[in-house]
Structures are given as structure tokens and as C-alpha cells.
PDB file of all heavy atoms in Angstrom:
ATOM      1  N   TYR A   1      15.314  -5.950 -11.911  1.00  0.00           N
ATOM      2  CA  TYR A   1      14.314  -5.512 -10.951  1.00  0.00           C
ATOM      3  C   TYR A   1      13.062  -6.354 -11.021  1.00  0.00           C
ATOM      4  O   TYR A   1      12.297  -6.556 -10.045  1.00  0.00           O
ATOM      5  CB  TYR A   1      13.966  -4.070 -11.171  1.00  0.00           C
ATOM      6  CG  TYR A   1      14.886  -3.019 -10.612  1.00  0.00           C
ATOM      7  CD1 TYR A   1      16.276  -3.325 -10.549  1.00  0.00           C
ATOM      8  CD2 TYR A   1      14.425  -1.772 -10.153  1.00  0.00           C
ATOM      9  CE1 TYR A   1      17.063  -2.310 -10.006  1.00  0.00           C
ATOM     10  CE2 TYR A   1      15.239  -0.895  -9.638  1.00  0.00           C
ATOM     11  CZ  TYR A   1      16.561  -1.053  -9.508  1.00  0.00           C
ATOM     12  OH  TYR A   1      17.443  -0.171  -9.034  1.00  0.00           O
ATOM     13  N   LEU A   2      12.709  -6.770 -12.276  1.00  0.00           N
ATOM     14  CA  LEU A   2      11.503  -7.668 -12.455  1.00  0.00           C
ATOM     15  C   LEU A   2      11.560  -8.850 -11.582  1.00  0.00           C
ATOM     16  O   LEU A   2      10.593  -9.296 -10.899  1.00  0.00           O
ATOM     17  CB  LEU A   2      11.344  -7.983 -13.944  1.00  0.00           C
ATOM     18  CG  LEU A   2      10.121  -8.952 -14.275  1.00  0.00           C
ATOM     19  CD1 LEU A   2       8.858  -8.254 -13.931  1.00  0.00           C
ATOM     20  CD2 LEU A   2      10.176  -9.345 -15.775  1.00  0.00           C
ATOM     21  N   GLN A   3      12.681  -9.589 -11.573  1.00  0.00           N
ATOM     22  CA  GLN A   3      12.820 -10.748 -10.770  1.00  0.00           C
ATOM     23  C   GLN A   3      12.789 -10.405  -9.282  1.00  0.00           C
ATOM     24  O   GLN A   3      12.206 -11.218  -8.476  1.00  0.00           O
ATOM     25  CB  GLN A   3      14.194 -11.441 -11.085  1.00  0.00           C
ATOM     26  CG  GLN A   3      14.166 -12.240 -12.437  1.00  0.00           C
ATOM     27  CD  GLN A   3      14.183 -11.339 -13.682  1.00  0.00           C
ATOM     28  OE1 GLN A   3      14.845 -10.308 -13.661  1.00  0.00           O
ATOM     29  NE2 GLN A   3      13.317 -11.576 -14.602  1.00  0.00           N
ATOM     30  N   LEU A   4      13.488  -9.270  -8.925  1.00  0.00           N
ATOM     31  CA  LEU A   4      13.396  -8.895  -7.479  1.00  0.00           C
ATOM     32  C   LEU A   4      11.983  -8.639  -6.953  1.00  0.00           C
ATOM     33  O   LEU A   4      11.582  -9.146  -5.889  1.00  0.00           O
ATOM     34  CB  LEU A   4      14.262  -7.744  -7.255  1.00  0.00           C
ATOM     35  CG  LEU A   4      15.774  -7.839  -7.408  1.00  0.00           C
ATOM     36  CD1 LEU A   4      16.457  -6.490  -7.114  1.00  0.00           C
ATOM     37  CD2 LEU A   4      16.360  -8.935  -6.612  1.00  0.00           C
ATOM     38  N   ILE A   5      11.215  -7.957  -7.652  1.00  0.00           N
ATOM     39  CA  ILE A   5       9.874  -7.605  -7.318  1.00  0.00           C
ATOM     40  C   ILE A   5       8.928  -8.893  -7.314  1.00  0.00           C
ATOM     41  O   ILE A   5       8.121  -9.140  -6.382  1.00  0.00           O
ATOM     42  CB  ILE A   5       9.293  -6.476  -8.176  1.00  0.00           C
ATOM     43  CG1 ILE A   5      10.043  -5.260  -7.921  1.00  0.00           C
ATOM     44  CG2 ILE A   5       7.815  -6.277  -7.967  1.00  0.00           C
ATOM     45  CD1 ILE A   5       9.700  -4.096  -8.858  1.00  0.00           C
ATOM     46  N   GLU A   6       9.106  -9.682  -8.418  1.00  0.00           N
ATOM     47  CA  GLU A   6       8.273 -10.913  -8.401  1.00  0.00           C
ATOM     48  C   GLU A   6       8.726 -11.906  -7.349  1.00  0.00           C
ATOM     49  O   GLU A   6       7.911 -12.602  -6.685  1.00  0.00           O
ATOM     50  CB  GLU A   6       8.399 -11.611  -9.755  1.00  0.00           C
ATOM     51  CG  GLU A   6       7.714 -10.854 -10.868  1.00  0.00           C
ATOM     52  CD  GLU A   6       7.822 -11.499 -12.231  1.00  0.00           C
ATOM     53  OE1 GLU A   6       8.798 -12.331 -12.416  1.00  0.00           O
ATOM     54  OE2 GLU A   6       6.925 -11.230 -13.088  1.00  0.00           O
ATOM     55  N   GLY A   7      10.077 -11.886  -6.999  1.00  0.00           N
ATOM     56  CA  GLY A   7      10.623 -12.738  -6.005  1.00  0.00           C
ATOM     57  C   GLY A   7      10.170 -12.307  -4.565  1.00  0.00           C
ATOM     58  O   GLY A   7      10.144 -13.155  -3.599  1.00  0.00           O
ATOM     59  N   ALA A   8       9.719 -11.048  -4.407  1.00  0.00           N
ATOM     60  CA  ALA A   8       9.095 -10.629  -3.155  1.00  0.00           C
ATOM     61  C   ALA A   8       7.643 -10.828  -3.038  1.00  0.00           C
ATOM     62  O   ALA A   8       7.022 -10.437  -2.097  1.00  0.00           O
ATOM     63  CB  ALA A   8       9.425  -9.121  -3.024  1.00  0.00           C
ATOM     64  N   GLY A   9       7.121 -11.553  -3.990  1.00  0.00           N
ATOM     65  CA  GLY A   9       5.666 -11.987  -3.960  1.00  0.00           C
ATOM     66  C   GLY A   9       4.678 -11.130  -4.711  1.00  0.00           C
ATOM     67  O   GLY A   9       3.481 -11.232  -4.465  1.00  0.00           O
ATOM     68  N   TYR A  10       5.167 -10.159  -5.547  1.00  0.00           N
ATOM     69  CA  TYR A  10       4.249  -9.271  -6.315  1.00  0.00           C
ATOM     70  C   TYR A  10       3.864  -9.850  -7.716  1.00  0.00           C
ATOM     71  O   TYR A  10       4.646 -10.536  -8.307  1.00  0.00           O
ATOM     72  CB  TYR A  10       4.907  -7.932  -6.496  1.00  0.00           C
ATOM     73  CG  TYR A  10       4.950  -7.112  -5.280  1.00  0.00           C
ATOM     74  CD1 TYR A  10       6.029  -7.342  -4.265  1.00  0.00           C
ATOM     75  CD2 TYR A  10       4.100  -6.118  -5.060  1.00  0.00           C
ATOM     76  CE1 TYR A  10       5.948  -6.674  -3.117  1.00  0.00           C
ATOM     77  CE2 TYR A  10       4.135  -5.331  -3.820  1.00  0.00           C
ATOM     78  CZ  TYR A  10       5.078  -5.656  -2.884  1.00  0.00           C
ATOM     79  OH  TYR A  10       5.101  -4.892  -1.726  1.00  0.00           O
ATOM     80  N   LEU A  11       2.607  -9.549  -8.068  1.00  0.00           N
ATOM     81  CA  LEU A  11       2.032  -9.987  -9.284  1.00  0.00           C
ATOM     82  C   LEU A  11       1.652  -8.859 -10.139  1.00  0.00           C
ATOM     83  O   LEU A  11       1.446  -7.757  -9.627  1.00  0.00           O
ATOM     84  CB  LEU A  11       0.785 -10.860  -9.012  1.00  0.00           C
ATOM     85  CG  LEU A  11       1.002 -12.199  -8.151  1.00  0.00           C
ATOM     86  CD1 LEU A  11      -0.349 -12.771  -7.880  1.00  0.00           C
ATOM     87  CD2 LEU A  11       1.912 -13.154  -8.846  1.00  0.00           C
ATOM     88  N   LYS A  12       1.607  -9.139 -11.401  1.00  0.00           N
ATOM     89  CA  LYS A  12       1.218  -8.087 -12.410  1.00  0.00           C
ATOM     90  C   LYS A  12      -0.152  -7.496 -12.036  1.00  0.00           C
ATOM     91  O   LYS A  12      -1.104  -8.239 -11.860  1.00  0.00           O
ATOM     92  CB  LYS A  12       1.274  -8.592 -13.785  1.00  0.00           C
ATOM     93  CG  LYS A  12       0.603  -7.541 -14.776  1.00  0.00           C
ATOM     94  CD  LYS A  12       0.571  -8.200 -16.172  1.00  0.00           C
ATOM     95  CE  LYS A  12      -0.191  -7.324 -17.202  1.00  0.00           C
ATOM     96  NZ  LYS A  12      -0.290  -7.857 -18.493  1.00  0.00           N
ATOM     97  N   LYS A  13      -0.298  -6.193 -12.001  1.00  0.00           N
ATOM     98  CA  LYS A  13      -1.613  -5.491 -11.938  1.00  0.00           C
ATOM     99  C   LYS A  13      -2.040  -5.084 -13.311  1.00  0.00           C
ATOM    100  O   LYS A  13      -3.145  -5.258 -13.715  1.00  0.00           O
ATOM    101  CB  LYS A  13      -1.613  -4.353 -10.968  1.00  0.00           C
ATOM    102  CG  LYS A  13      -2.902  -3.671 -10.734  1.00  0.00           C
ATOM    103  CD  LYS A  13      -2.646  -2.564  -9.676  1.00  0.00           C
ATOM    104  CE  LYS A  13      -4.137  -1.818  -9.407  1.00  0.00           C
ATOM    105  NZ  LYS A  13      -5.078  -2.812  -8.774  1.00  0.00           N
ATOM    106  N   VAL A  14      -1.162  -4.312 -14.026  1.00  0.00           N
ATOM    107  CA  VAL A  14      -1.498  -3.774 -15.335  1.00  0.00           C
ATOM    108  C   VAL A  14      -0.201  -3.335 -15.976  1.00  0.00           C
ATOM    109  O   VAL A  14       0.860  -3.010 -15.368  1.00  0.00           O
ATOM    110  CB  VAL A  14      -2.498  -2.582 -15.235  1.00  0.00           C
ATOM    111  CG1 VAL A  14      -1.834  -1.311 -14.651  1.00  0.00           C
ATOM    112  CG2 VAL A  14      -3.043  -2.267 -16.642  1.00  0.00           C
ATOM    113  N   ASP A  15      -0.055  -3.344 -17.300  1.00  0.00           N
ATOM    114  CA  ASP A  15       1.088  -2.845 -18.109  1.00  0.00           C
ATOM    115  C   ASP A  15       0.689  -1.457 -18.613  1.00  0.00           C
ATOM    116  O   ASP A  15      -0.478  -1.266 -19.041  1.00  0.00           O
ATOM    117  CB  ASP A  15       1.391  -3.791 -19.238  1.00  0.00           C
ATOM    118  CG  ASP A  15       2.322  -5.033 -18.688  1.00  0.00           C
ATOM    119  OD1 ASP A  15       2.609  -5.050 -17.495  1.00  0.00           O
ATOM    120  OD2 ASP A  15       2.391  -5.915 -19.436  1.00  0.00           O
ATOM    121  N   LEU A  16       1.709  -0.618 -18.783  1.00  0.00           N
ATOM    122  CA  LEU A  16       1.613   0.711 -19.320  1.00  0.00           C
ATOM    123  C   LEU A  16       2.450   0.721 -20.547  1.00  0.00           C
ATOM    124  O   LEU A  16       3.648   0.268 -20.548  1.00  0.00           O
ATOM    125  CB  LEU A  16       2.026   1.713 -18.322  1.00  0.00           C
ATOM    126  CG  LEU A  16       1.545   1.559 -16.877  1.00  0.00           C
ATOM    127  CD1 LEU A  16       2.193   2.553 -15.958  1.00  0.00           C
ATOM    128  CD2 LEU A  16      -0.006   1.671 -16.792  1.00  0.00           C
ATOM    129  N   LEU A  17       1.983   1.373 -21.604  1.00  0.00           N
ATOM    130  CA  LEU A  17       2.615   1.277 -22.891  1.00  0.00           C
ATOM    131  C   LEU A  17       3.222   2.667 -23.258  1.00  0.00           C
ATOM    132  O   LEU A  17       2.575   3.675 -23.001  1.00  0.00           O
ATOM    133  CB  LEU A  17       1.720   0.843 -23.981  1.00  0.00           C
ATOM    134  CG  LEU A  17       0.990  -0.529 -23.794  1.00  0.00           C
ATOM    135  CD1 LEU A  17       0.098  -0.815 -24.991  1.00  0.00           C
ATOM    136  CD2 LEU A  17       1.986  -1.644 -23.568  1.00  0.00           C
ATOM    137  N   ALA A  18       4.400   2.700 -23.867  1.00  0.00           N
ATOM    138  CA  ALA A  18       4.939   3.969 -24.535  1.00  0.00           C
ATOM    139  C   ALA A  18       5.088   3.704 -25.950  1.00  0.00           C
ATOM    140  O   ALA A  18       5.731   2.664 -26.428  1.00  0.00           O
ATOM    141  CB  ALA A  18       6.333   4.214 -23.802  1.00  0.00           C
ATOM    142  N   TYR A  19       4.521   4.634 -26.737  1.00  0.00           N
ATOM    143  CA  TYR A  19       4.592   4.515 -28.153  1.00  0.00           C
ATOM    144  C   TYR A  19       5.552   5.537 -28.771  1.00  0.00           C
ATOM    145  O   TYR A  19       5.547   6.702 -28.334  1.00  0.00           O
ATOM    146  CB  TYR A  19       3.194   4.820 -28.762  1.00  0.00           C
ATOM    147  CG  TYR A  19       2.152   3.707 -28.689  1.00  0.00           C
ATOM    148  CD1 TYR A  19       1.344   3.636 -27.507  1.00  0.00           C
ATOM    149  CD2 TYR A  19       2.030   2.826 -29.671  1.00  0.00           C
ATOM    150  CE1 TYR A  19       0.413   2.619 -27.412  1.00  0.00           C
ATOM    151  CE2 TYR A  19       1.023   1.883 -29.606  1.00  0.00           C
ATOM    152  CZ  TYR A  19       0.229   1.707 -28.440  1.00  0.00           C
ATOM    153  OH  TYR A  19      -0.687   0.720 -28.346  1.00  0.00           O
ATOM    154  N   ASP A  20       6.395   5.084 -29.677  1.00  0.00           N
ATOM    155  CA  ASP A  20       7.232   5.981 -30.478  1.00  0.00           C
ATOM    156  C   ASP A  20       6.456   6.374 -31.785  1.00  0.00           C
ATOM    157  O   ASP A  20       5.949   5.535 -32.369  1.00  0.00           O
ATOM    158  CB  ASP A  20       8.545   5.340 -30.786  1.00  0.00           C
ATOM    159  CG  ASP A  20       9.608   5.702 -29.816  1.00  0.00           C
ATOM    160  OD1 ASP A  20       9.361   6.371 -28.843  1.00  0.00           O
ATOM    161  OD2 ASP A  20      10.798   5.333 -30.011  1.00  0.00           O
ATOM    162  N   VAL A  21       6.579   7.685 -31.986  1.00  0.00           N
ATOM    163  CA  VAL A  21       5.900   8.156 -33.288  1.00  0.00           C
ATOM    164  C   VAL A  21       6.994   9.030 -34.044  1.00  0.00           C
ATOM    165  O   VAL A  21       7.031  10.270 -33.850  1.00  0.00           O
ATOM    166  CB  VAL A  21       4.652   9.000 -33.088  1.00  0.00           C
ATOM    167  CG1 VAL A  21       4.008   9.420 -34.437  1.00  0.00           C
ATOM    168  CG2 VAL A  21       3.669   8.236 -32.248  1.00  0.00           C
ATOM    169  N   PRO A  22       7.877   8.376 -34.819  1.00  0.00           N
ATOM    170  CA  PRO A  22       8.911   9.203 -35.592  1.00  0.00           C
ATOM    171  C   PRO A  22       8.100   9.907 -36.721  1.00  0.00           C
ATOM    172  O   PRO A  22       7.349   9.285 -37.460  1.00  0.00           O
ATOM    173  CB  PRO A  22       9.799   8.116 -36.127  1.00  0.00           C
ATOM    174  CG  PRO A  22       9.543   6.813 -35.429  1.00  0.00           C
ATOM    175  CD  PRO A  22       8.055   6.980 -34.994  1.00  0.00           C
ATOM    176  N   TYR A  23       8.405  11.185 -36.770  1.00  0.00           N
ATOM    177  CA  TYR A  23       7.585  11.940 -37.737  1.00  0.00           C
ATOM    178  C   TYR A  23       7.991  11.691 -39.203  1.00  0.00           C
ATOM    179  O   TYR A  23       7.248  11.978 -40.175  1.00  0.00           O
ATOM    180  CB  TYR A  23       7.646  13.511 -37.464  1.00  0.00           C
ATOM    181  CG  TYR A  23       6.987  13.826 -36.148  1.00  0.00           C
ATOM    182  CD1 TYR A  23       7.356  14.866 -35.391  1.00  0.00           C
ATOM    183  CD2 TYR A  23       5.937  13.067 -35.658  1.00  0.00           C
ATOM    184  CE1 TYR A  23       6.763  15.152 -34.174  1.00  0.00           C
ATOM    185  CE2 TYR A  23       5.298  13.374 -34.454  1.00  0.00           C
ATOM    186  CZ  TYR A  23       5.759  14.438 -33.731  1.00  0.00           C
ATOM    187  OH  TYR A  23       5.113  14.684 -32.531  1.00  0.00           O
ATOM    188  N   ALA A  24       9.147  11.102 -39.466  1.00  0.00           N
ATOM    189  CA  ALA A  24       9.558  10.829 -40.810  1.00  0.00           C
ATOM    190  C   ALA A  24       8.742   9.707 -41.402  1.00  0.00           C
ATOM    191  O   ALA A  24       8.502   9.594 -42.587  1.00  0.00           O
ATOM    192  CB  ALA A  24      11.024  10.376 -40.772  1.00  0.00           C
ATOM    193  N   THR A  25       8.140   8.784 -40.566  1.00  0.00           N
ATOM    194  CA  THR A  25       7.403   7.661 -41.048  1.00  0.00           C
ATOM    195  C   THR A  25       5.971   7.674 -40.519  1.00  0.00           C
ATOM    196  O   THR A  25       5.179   6.683 -40.741  1.00  0.00           O
ATOM    197  CB  THR A  25       8.051   6.391 -40.558  1.00  0.00           C
ATOM    198  OG1 THR A  25       8.172   6.303 -39.100  1.00  0.00           O
ATOM    199  CG2 THR A  25       9.448   6.274 -41.194  1.00  0.00           C
ATOM    200  N   HIS A  26       5.454   8.715 -39.853  1.00  0.00           N
ATOM    201  CA  HIS A  26       4.194   8.724 -39.363  1.00  0.00           C
ATOM    202  C   HIS A  26       3.137   8.875 -40.415  1.00  0.00           C
ATOM    203  O   HIS A  26       3.489   9.359 -41.498  1.00  0.00           O
ATOM    204  CB  HIS A  26       3.967   9.840 -38.259  1.00  0.00           C
ATOM    205  CG  HIS A  26       3.640  11.238 -38.866  1.00  0.00           C
ATOM    206  ND1 HIS A  26       4.596  12.014 -39.458  1.00  0.00           N
ATOM    207  CD2 HIS A  26       2.481  11.919 -38.998  1.00  0.00           C
ATOM    208  CE1 HIS A  26       4.127  13.106 -39.968  1.00  0.00           C
ATOM    209  NE2 HIS A  26       2.756  13.025 -39.667  1.00  0.00           N
ATOM    210  N   ASN A  27       1.902   8.389 -40.169  1.00  0.00           N
ATOM    211  CA  ASN A  27       0.780   8.605 -41.027  1.00  0.00           C
ATOM    212  C   ASN A  27       0.237  10.009 -40.895  1.00  0.00           C
ATOM    213  O   ASN A  27      -0.270  10.294 -39.839  1.00  0.00           O
ATOM    214  CB  ASN A  27      -0.234   7.558 -40.853  1.00  0.00           C
ATOM    215  CG  ASN A  27      -1.405   7.619 -41.753  1.00  0.00           C
ATOM    216  OD1 ASN A  27      -1.734   8.644 -42.261  1.00  0.00           O
ATOM    217  ND2 ASN A  27      -2.078   6.504 -41.946  1.00  0.00           N
ATOM    218  N   ASP A  28       0.397  10.818 -41.908  1.00  0.00           N
ATOM    219  CA  ASP A  28       0.076  12.265 -41.710  1.00  0.00           C
ATOM    220  C   ASP A  28      -1.371  12.581 -42.007  1.00  0.00           C
ATOM    221  O   ASP A  28      -1.741  13.705 -42.263  1.00  0.00           O
ATOM    222  CB  ASP A  28       0.959  13.146 -42.505  1.00  0.00           C
ATOM    223  CG  ASP A  28       0.802  12.923 -43.993  1.00  0.00           C
ATOM    224  OD1 ASP A  28       0.047  11.940 -44.391  1.00  0.00           O
ATOM    225  OD2 ASP A  28       1.485  13.599 -44.828  1.00  0.00           O
ATOM    226  N   ARG A  29      -2.195  11.536 -41.972  1.00  0.00           N
ATOM    227  CA  ARG A  29      -3.644  11.809 -42.213  1.00  0.00           C
ATOM    228  C   ARG A  29      -4.249  12.810 -41.322  1.00  0.00           C
ATOM    229  O   ARG A  29      -5.071  13.654 -41.707  1.00  0.00           O
ATOM    230  CB  ARG A  29      -4.438  10.409 -42.145  1.00  0.00           C
ATOM    231  CG  ARG A  29      -5.933  10.551 -42.515  1.00  0.00           C
ATOM    232  CD  ARG A  29      -6.584   9.173 -42.553  1.00  0.00           C
ATOM    233  NE  ARG A  29      -7.939   9.250 -42.925  1.00  0.00           N
ATOM    234  CZ  ARG A  29      -8.963   9.364 -41.964  1.00  0.00           C
ATOM    235  NH1 ARG A  29      -8.617   9.324 -40.738  1.00  0.00           N
ATOM    236  NH2 ARG A  29     -10.213   9.443 -42.460  1.00  0.00           N
ATOM    237  N   SER A  30      -3.938  12.729 -39.991  1.00  0.00           N
ATOM    238  CA  SER A  30      -4.513  13.592 -39.064  1.00  0.00           C
ATOM    239  C   SER A  30      -4.066  15.079 -39.385  1.00  0.00           C
ATOM    240  O   SER A  30      -4.778  16.040 -39.089  1.00  0.00           O
ATOM    241  CB  SER A  30      -4.033  13.243 -37.614  1.00  0.00           C
ATOM    242  OG  SER A  30      -2.664  13.330 -37.517  1.00  0.00           O
ATOM    243  N   VAL A  31      -2.843  15.296 -39.890  1.00  0.00           N
ATOM    244  CA  VAL A  31      -2.347  16.637 -40.316  1.00  0.00           C
ATOM    245  C   VAL A  31      -3.123  17.128 -41.559  1.00  0.00           C
ATOM    246  O   VAL A  31      -3.580  18.268 -41.620  1.00  0.00           O
ATOM    247  CB  VAL A  31      -0.807  16.610 -40.496  1.00  0.00           C
ATOM    248  CG1 VAL A  31      -0.414  17.976 -40.991  1.00  0.00           C
ATOM    249  CG2 VAL A  31      -0.104  16.244 -39.212  1.00  0.00           C
ATOM    250  N   LYS A  32      -3.263  16.202 -42.488  1.00  0.00           N
ATOM    251  CA  LYS A  32      -3.954  16.619 -43.747  1.00  0.00           C
ATOM    252  C   LYS A  32      -5.414  16.954 -43.522  1.00  0.00           C
ATOM    253  O   LYS A  32      -6.013  17.812 -44.252  1.00  0.00           O
ATOM    254  CB  LYS A  32      -3.842  15.547 -44.733  1.00  0.00           C
ATOM    255  CG  LYS A  32      -2.439  15.237 -45.317  1.00  0.00           C
ATOM    256  CD  LYS A  32      -2.423  14.104 -46.352  1.00  0.00           C
ATOM    257  CE  LYS A  32      -1.007  13.912 -46.931  1.00  0.00           C
ATOM    258  NZ  LYS A  32      -0.883  12.748 -47.759  1.00  0.00           N
ATOM    259  N   LEU A  33      -6.046  16.328 -42.522  1.00  0.00           N
ATOM    260  CA  LEU A  33      -7.447  16.615 -42.238  1.00  0.00           C
ATOM    261  C   LEU A  33      -7.736  17.697 -41.221  1.00  0.00           C
ATOM    262  O   LEU A  33      -8.834  17.960 -40.994  1.00  0.00           O
ATOM    263  CB  LEU A  33      -8.054  15.271 -41.655  1.00  0.00           C
ATOM    264  CG  LEU A  33      -8.211  14.103 -42.708  1.00  0.00           C
ATOM    265  CD1 LEU A  33      -8.809  12.880 -41.928  1.00  0.00           C
ATOM    266  CD2 LEU A  33      -9.193  14.511 -43.778  1.00  0.00           C
ATOM    267  N   LEU A  34      -6.674  18.333 -40.829  1.00  0.00           N
ATOM    268  CA  LEU A  34      -6.755  19.386 -39.770  1.00  0.00           C
ATOM    269  C   LEU A  34      -7.810  20.472 -40.152  1.00  0.00           C
ATOM    270  O   LEU A  34      -8.670  20.851 -39.401  1.00  0.00           O
ATOM    271  CB  LEU A  34      -5.504  20.030 -39.525  1.00  0.00           C
ATOM    272  CG  LEU A  34      -4.614  19.367 -38.410  1.00  0.00           C
ATOM    273  CD1 LEU A  34      -3.243  19.954 -38.306  1.00  0.00           C
ATOM    274  CD2 LEU A  34      -5.311  19.333 -37.076  1.00  0.00           C
ATOM    275  N   ASP A  35      -7.633  21.026 -41.306  1.00  0.00           N
ATOM    276  CA  ASP A  35      -8.584  22.108 -41.737  1.00  0.00           C
ATOM    277  C   ASP A  35     -10.058  21.677 -41.718  1.00  0.00           C
ATOM    278  O   ASP A  35     -10.919  22.359 -41.269  1.00  0.00           O
ATOM    279  CB  ASP A  35      -8.111  22.673 -43.093  1.00  0.00           C
ATOM    280  CG  ASP A  35      -6.847  23.369 -43.106  1.00  0.00           C
ATOM    281  OD1 ASP A  35      -6.405  23.746 -41.995  1.00  0.00           O
ATOM    282  OD2 ASP A  35      -6.207  23.617 -44.152  1.00  0.00           O
ATOM    283  N   THR A  36     -10.246  20.456 -42.275  1.00  0.00           N
ATOM    284  CA  THR A  36     -11.619  19.921 -42.288  1.00  0.00           C
ATOM    285  C   THR A  36     -12.178  19.703 -40.848  1.00  0.00           C
ATOM    286  O   THR A  36     -13.290  20.001 -40.569  1.00  0.00           O
ATOM    287  CB  THR A  36     -11.643  18.616 -43.098  1.00  0.00           C
ATOM    288  OG1 THR A  36     -11.171  18.857 -44.438  1.00  0.00           O
ATOM    289  CG2 THR A  36     -12.992  18.001 -43.148  1.00  0.00           C
ATOM    290  N   LEU A  37     -11.303  18.989 -40.031  1.00  0.00           N
ATOM    291  CA  LEU A  37     -11.758  18.672 -38.657  1.00  0.00           C
ATOM    292  C   LEU A  37     -11.956  19.943 -37.891  1.00  0.00           C
ATOM    293  O   LEU A  37     -13.016  20.056 -37.153  1.00  0.00           O
ATOM    294  CB  LEU A  37     -10.645  17.894 -37.997  1.00  0.00           C
ATOM    295  CG  LEU A  37     -10.529  16.455 -38.458  1.00  0.00           C
ATOM    296  CD1 LEU A  37      -9.318  15.811 -37.857  1.00  0.00           C
ATOM    297  CD2 LEU A  37     -11.805  15.597 -38.130  1.00  0.00           C
ATOM    298  N   GLN A  38     -11.110  20.930 -37.966  1.00  0.00           N
ATOM    299  CA  GLN A  38     -11.320  22.139 -37.235  1.00  0.00           C
ATOM    300  C   GLN A  38     -12.496  22.984 -37.695  1.00  0.00           C
ATOM    301  O   GLN A  38     -13.256  23.493 -36.854  1.00  0.00           O
ATOM    302  CB  GLN A  38     -10.078  22.990 -37.319  1.00  0.00           C
ATOM    303  CG  GLN A  38      -8.849  22.575 -36.561  1.00  0.00           C
ATOM    304  CD  GLN A  38      -7.671  23.442 -36.561  1.00  0.00           C
ATOM    305  OE1 GLN A  38      -6.987  23.609 -37.632  1.00  0.00           O
ATOM    306  NE2 GLN A  38      -7.422  24.084 -35.432  1.00  0.00           N
ATOM    307  N   ALA A  39     -12.854  22.871 -38.986  1.00  0.00           N
ATOM    308  CA  ALA A  39     -13.992  23.567 -39.500  1.00  0.00           C
ATOM    309  C   ALA A  39     -15.259  22.898 -38.958  1.00  0.00           C
ATOM    310  O   ALA A  39     -16.209  23.549 -38.506  1.00  0.00           O
ATOM    311  CB  ALA A  39     -14.063  23.511 -40.992  1.00  0.00           C
ATOM    312  N   ARG A  40     -15.202  21.566 -38.868  1.00  0.00           N
ATOM    313  CA  ARG A  40     -16.341  20.881 -38.161  1.00  0.00           C
ATOM    314  C   ARG A  40     -16.550  21.158 -36.750  1.00  0.00           C
ATOM    315  O   ARG A  40     -17.684  21.344 -36.286  1.00  0.00           O
ATOM    316  CB  ARG A  40     -16.200  19.322 -38.459  1.00  0.00           C
ATOM    317  CG  ARG A  40     -17.382  18.539 -38.038  1.00  0.00           C
ATOM    318  CD  ARG A  40     -17.195  17.078 -38.537  1.00  0.00           C
ATOM    319  NE  ARG A  40     -16.198  16.432 -37.690  1.00  0.00           N
ATOM    320  CZ  ARG A  40     -15.873  15.070 -37.889  1.00  0.00           C
ATOM    321  NH1 ARG A  40     -16.226  14.443 -38.940  1.00  0.00           N
ATOM    322  NH2 ARG A  40     -14.951  14.597 -37.078  1.00  0.00           N
ATOM    323  N   LEU A  41     -15.464  21.236 -36.061  1.00  0.00           N
ATOM    324  CA  LEU A  41     -15.512  21.564 -34.624  1.00  0.00           C
ATOM    325  C   LEU A  41     -15.993  23.015 -34.462  1.00  0.00           C
ATOM    326  O   LEU A  41     -16.857  23.219 -33.475  1.00  0.00           O
ATOM    327  CB  LEU A  41     -14.134  21.407 -33.926  1.00  0.00           C
ATOM    328  CG  LEU A  41     -13.615  19.966 -33.790  1.00  0.00           C
ATOM    329  CD1 LEU A  41     -12.170  20.005 -33.247  1.00  0.00           C
ATOM    330  CD2 LEU A  41     -14.454  19.153 -32.832  1.00  0.00           C
TER     331      LEU A  41
END
């Protein structure tokens, strides 16, 4: 489809990203800080 759209004269406007966050390997700092952050809020 990329070639078809570019072949019809279209140029990139912007890219959109999708991030994977597997919980087995995620950095759990945000979870560990939850109580502190919620108390501050």
C-alpha cells in the first residue's frame, strides 16, 4: 500500500507510533511511586 499511495503522488505528512509495553520487562518505577505521587496530588 505504501508504494500505491506514494505512486499516486502522496507525500508523508506525519508518522504515528505504537509502543509495546510488556509488563514482564517494564520499568515499574511508576508503580512503586504510586503512593507517593497520589499523596502529593
